Amino acid sequence: MPIVAAGTPLPLFSAAQDKDQVEARGISSTAWTDYVTTPAGELALRMVVGQPQLGQPKPAATAGPSAALRAYFGHKLAGRAADLASFKEVVVKGRANQPATAVKVVLQTKDAAAYSATVQLGAEVQEVRIPLAAFRSDALLLLPRPYPGFLPLTHQSSSQPALQLTDAEVLQLVLDAAAPANGQLHVDIESVSLR
């Protein structure tokens, strides 16, 4: 059992420790996820969007997100309930191979209400800070994708009060971007934490 000092960051996702406990997948036909090692030797989740293979149709522009991560963290909050009021931001540590690549960070509550904010990642591994006040009500991406495929890919909660961190329990990272004309787009996420 880890013993931490008050005010210590609370990890919501760590690629090195949580890889067997998360759901990470490509959603579009040209996307997939994998784990890679960063130049600093750290493990990172890689979300990749590639070009269609020969004979494969190009994904429709309205097909939805390309790749996503879903990580349950409710059990991590339970042991730190007294610290929750002191957390003021979500910190995403990662990089992308294309400049200013947008990744949506979503916090889902126990009642399936979703709150999101977007971060921009660049070529170097960086920590991007998002104030909790920046999270706004949003539709929740349903993972795994509903079957049959004509069912809605998202769910919008009918009533969404302001985000209460005590009710949050699931983290989603959503990549909704197309690959560049001559290659792949990839985003590497090392960790997401509360500070």
Protein backbone atom coordinates (compact mmCIF):
# COMPACT_ATOMS: atom_id res chain seq x y z
CA MET A 1 0.00 0.00 0.00
CA PRO A 2 1.53 3.33 -1.01
CA ILE A 3 1.76 5.98 1.70
CA VAL A 4 1.78 9.54 0.38
CA ALA A 5 2.06 12.97 1.93
CA ALA A 6 -0.89 15.35 1.81
CA GLY A 7 -0.84 17.39 -1.40
CA THR A 8 0.98 14.71 -3.40
CA PRO A 9 -0.32 14.50 -7.01
CA LEU A 10 -2.95 11.80 -7.52
CA PRO A 11 -2.32 9.69 -10.65
CA LEU A 12 -5.47 9.04 -12.69
CA PHE A 13 -3.55 7.16 -15.39
CA SER A 14 0.05 6.02 -15.63
CA ALA A 15 1.03 4.06 -18.74
CA ALA A 16 3.70 2.16 -16.83
CA GLN A 17 1.40 1.03 -14.02
CA ASP A 18 -2.11 0.93 -15.47
CA LYS A 19 -1.63 -0.69 -18.88
CA ASP A 20 -3.43 -3.88 -17.83
CA GLN A 21 -6.34 -2.01 -16.23
CA VAL A 22 -7.42 0.38 -18.99
CA GLU A 23 -9.31 0.17 -22.23
CA ALA A 24 -7.41 1.71 -25.14
CA ARG A 25 -8.48 1.23 -28.72
CA GLY A 26 -8.69 2.62 -32.19
CA ILE A 27 -12.24 3.55 -33.10
CA SER A 28 -11.87 4.39 -36.77
CA SER A 29 -10.73 1.74 -39.25
CA THR A 30 -7.31 3.39 -39.66
CA ALA A 31 -6.52 3.88 -35.95
CA TRP A 32 -4.99 1.72 -33.24
CA THR A 33 -3.24 1.94 -29.88
CA ASP A 34 0.06 0.55 -28.64
CA TYR A 35 2.63 1.10 -25.91
CA VAL A 36 6.01 2.67 -26.70
CA THR A 37 9.04 3.89 -24.80
CA THR A 38 9.75 7.63 -24.84
CA PRO A 39 13.27 9.04 -25.37
CA ALA A 40 13.55 9.36 -21.57
CA GLY A 41 12.85 5.63 -21.15
CA GLU A 42 9.29 6.01 -19.83
CA LEU A 43 6.40 3.87 -21.05
CA ALA A 44 3.63 5.74 -22.91
CA LEU A 45 0.33 4.81 -24.48
CA ARG A 46 0.44 5.63 -28.20
CA MET A 47 -2.76 6.45 -30.08
CA VAL A 48 -2.15 6.24 -33.83
CA VAL A 49 -4.16 7.39 -36.83
CA GLY A 50 -2.81 6.09 -40.12
CA GLN A 51 -3.65 6.19 -43.81
CA PRO A 52 -6.12 3.67 -45.27
CA GLN A 53 -4.43 0.60 -46.72
CA LEU A 54 -4.69 -0.17 -50.40
CA GLY A 55 -8.31 -0.96 -51.24
CA GLN A 56 -9.57 0.21 -47.83
CA PRO A 57 -12.11 3.08 -47.99
CA LYS A 58 -11.14 6.41 -46.48
CA PRO A 59 -13.02 7.00 -43.17
CA ALA A 60 -15.94 9.40 -43.43
CA ALA A 61 -15.34 12.88 -42.07
CA THR A 62 -18.28 12.44 -39.67
CA ALA A 63 -17.28 8.96 -38.48
CA GLY A 64 -16.38 10.17 -34.99
CA PRO A 65 -13.21 9.98 -32.91
CA SER A 66 -10.18 8.07 -34.13
CA ALA A 67 -8.83 6.54 -30.90
CA ALA A 68 -9.54 6.68 -27.18
CA LEU A 69 -8.39 5.62 -23.74
CA ARG A 70 -10.79 4.82 -20.90
CA ALA A 71 -9.41 4.42 -17.36
CA TYR A 72 -11.39 3.86 -14.15
CA PHE A 73 -9.89 5.76 -11.20
CA GLY A 74 -12.72 5.74 -8.62
CA HIS A 75 -10.77 3.42 -6.32
CA LYS A 76 -7.81 5.86 -6.35
CA LEU A 77 -10.01 8.72 -5.10
CA ALA A 78 -11.41 6.65 -2.24
CA GLY A 79 -8.15 6.64 -0.31
CA ARG A 80 -7.52 10.35 -0.87
CA ALA A 81 -11.00 11.77 -0.15
CA ALA A 82 -9.60 14.30 2.34
CA ASP A 83 -7.24 15.71 -0.34
CA LEU A 84 -9.81 16.16 -3.12
CA ALA A 85 -10.66 19.76 -2.21
CA SER A 86 -7.00 20.75 -2.58
CA PHE A 87 -6.67 19.57 -6.19
CA LYS A 88 -6.98 22.44 -8.66
CA GLU A 89 -5.83 21.02 -12.00
CA VAL A 90 -5.44 17.99 -14.23
CA VAL A 91 -1.93 17.50 -15.63
CA VAL A 92 -1.42 15.57 -18.87
CA LYS A 93 2.13 14.46 -19.68
CA GLY A 94 2.65 13.54 -23.31
CA ARG A 95 3.67 14.49 -26.82
CA ALA A 96 2.52 14.25 -30.44
CA ASN A 97 4.33 13.92 -33.75
CA GLN A 98 2.36 16.82 -35.27
CA PRO A 99 2.42 20.34 -33.79
CA ALA A 100 -0.59 21.51 -31.76
CA THR A 101 -2.37 18.15 -31.80
CA ALA A 102 -5.61 18.38 -29.84
CA VAL A 103 -6.57 15.69 -27.32
CA LYS A 104 -9.85 15.86 -25.42
CA VAL A 105 -9.61 15.04 -21.70
CA VAL A 106 -12.92 13.86 -20.24
CA LEU A 107 -13.86 13.25 -16.61
CA GLN A 108 -16.96 11.06 -16.21
CA THR A 109 -19.03 10.96 -13.02
CA LYS A 110 -20.87 8.09 -11.37
CA ASP A 111 -24.07 9.32 -13.05
CA ALA A 112 -22.54 9.17 -16.58
CA ALA A 113 -22.21 12.94 -16.83
CA ALA A 114 -19.13 14.00 -18.79
CA TYR A 115 -16.99 17.12 -18.48
CA SER A 116 -14.22 17.86 -20.96
CA ALA A 117 -11.35 20.18 -21.76
CA THR A 118 -8.91 20.07 -24.67
CA VAL A 119 -5.11 20.11 -24.51
CA GLN A 120 -2.63 20.81 -27.29
CA LEU A 121 0.45 18.57 -27.44
CA GLY A 122 3.65 19.23 -29.39
CA ALA A 123 6.75 17.29 -30.41
CA GLU A 124 8.49 17.37 -27.02
CA VAL A 125 7.24 15.54 -23.94
CA GLN A 126 5.53 18.18 -21.85
CA GLU A 127 3.19 18.57 -18.91
CA VAL A 128 0.04 20.46 -19.88
CA ARG A 129 -2.04 21.80 -16.99
CA ILE A 130 -5.82 22.16 -17.19
CA PRO A 131 -7.59 23.99 -14.35
CA LEU A 132 -10.57 21.99 -13.06
CA ALA A 133 -12.66 25.11 -13.65
CA ALA A 134 -11.97 24.75 -17.41
CA PHE A 135 -13.92 21.46 -17.66
CA ARG A 136 -17.31 21.97 -19.32
CA SER A 137 -20.33 19.73 -19.79
CA ASP A 138 -19.95 17.47 -22.84
CA ALA A 139 -21.23 14.27 -24.41
CA LEU A 140 -19.70 11.02 -23.14
CA LEU A 141 -18.02 8.74 -25.70
CA LEU A 142 -19.40 5.22 -25.24
CA LEU A 143 -16.62 2.65 -25.06
CA PRO A 144 -16.55 -0.03 -26.24
CA ARG A 145 -18.38 1.15 -29.35
CA PRO A 146 -22.07 0.20 -29.18
CA TYR A 147 -23.19 -2.68 -31.38
CA PRO A 148 -24.81 -2.68 -33.88
CA GLY A 149 -22.92 0.24 -35.41
CA PHE A 150 -25.97 2.43 -36.07
CA LEU A 151 -26.44 3.03 -32.32
CA PRO A 152 -25.25 6.42 -31.01
CA LEU A 153 -21.54 6.70 -30.21
CA THR A 154 -22.10 9.29 -27.47
CA HIS A 155 -24.42 9.90 -24.52
CA GLN A 156 -25.47 13.32 -23.29
CA SER A 157 -26.71 13.41 -19.69
CA SER A 158 -30.00 15.29 -19.29
CA SER A 159 -28.90 17.25 -16.22
CA GLN A 160 -25.32 18.20 -15.56
CA PRO A 161 -24.53 20.38 -12.59
CA ALA A 162 -21.00 21.73 -12.16
CA LEU A 163 -18.24 19.11 -11.97
CA GLN A 164 -17.82 17.68 -8.48
CA LEU A 165 -14.49 15.87 -8.22
CA THR A 166 -15.89 13.60 -5.51
CA ASP A 167 -18.31 12.15 -8.10
CA ALA A 168 -15.71 11.60 -10.86
CA GLU A 169 -14.58 8.03 -11.51
CA VAL A 170 -13.56 7.57 -15.17
CA LEU A 171 -10.96 9.31 -17.33
CA GLN A 172 -11.23 9.35 -21.10
CA LEU A 173 -8.65 10.69 -23.54
CA VAL A 174 -10.07 11.10 -27.02
CA LEU A 175 -8.08 11.70 -30.22
CA ASP A 176 -10.34 13.11 -32.91
CA ALA A 177 -7.96 13.96 -35.74
CA ALA A 178 -7.05 12.77 -39.20
CA ALA A 179 -3.63 11.56 -40.28
CA PRO A 180 -1.46 13.95 -42.30
CA ALA A 181 -1.50 13.42 -46.07
CA ASN A 182 1.71 11.39 -46.20
CA GLY A 183 1.94 9.52 -42.93
CA GLN A 184 0.62 8.88 -39.47
CA LEU A 185 -0.48 11.00 -36.56
CA HIS A 186 0.42 9.66 -33.16
CA VAL A 187 0.03 10.89 -29.60
CA ASP A 188 2.02 9.43 -26.70
CA ILE A 189 0.51 9.77 -23.21
CA GLU A 190 2.75 8.97 -20.22
CA SER A 191 0.40 10.01 -17.44
CA VAL A 192 -2.58 12.04 -16.28
CA SER A 193 -2.79 13.23 -12.69
CA LEU A 194 -4.60 15.58 -10.32
CA ARG A 195 -2.57 18.32 -8.64
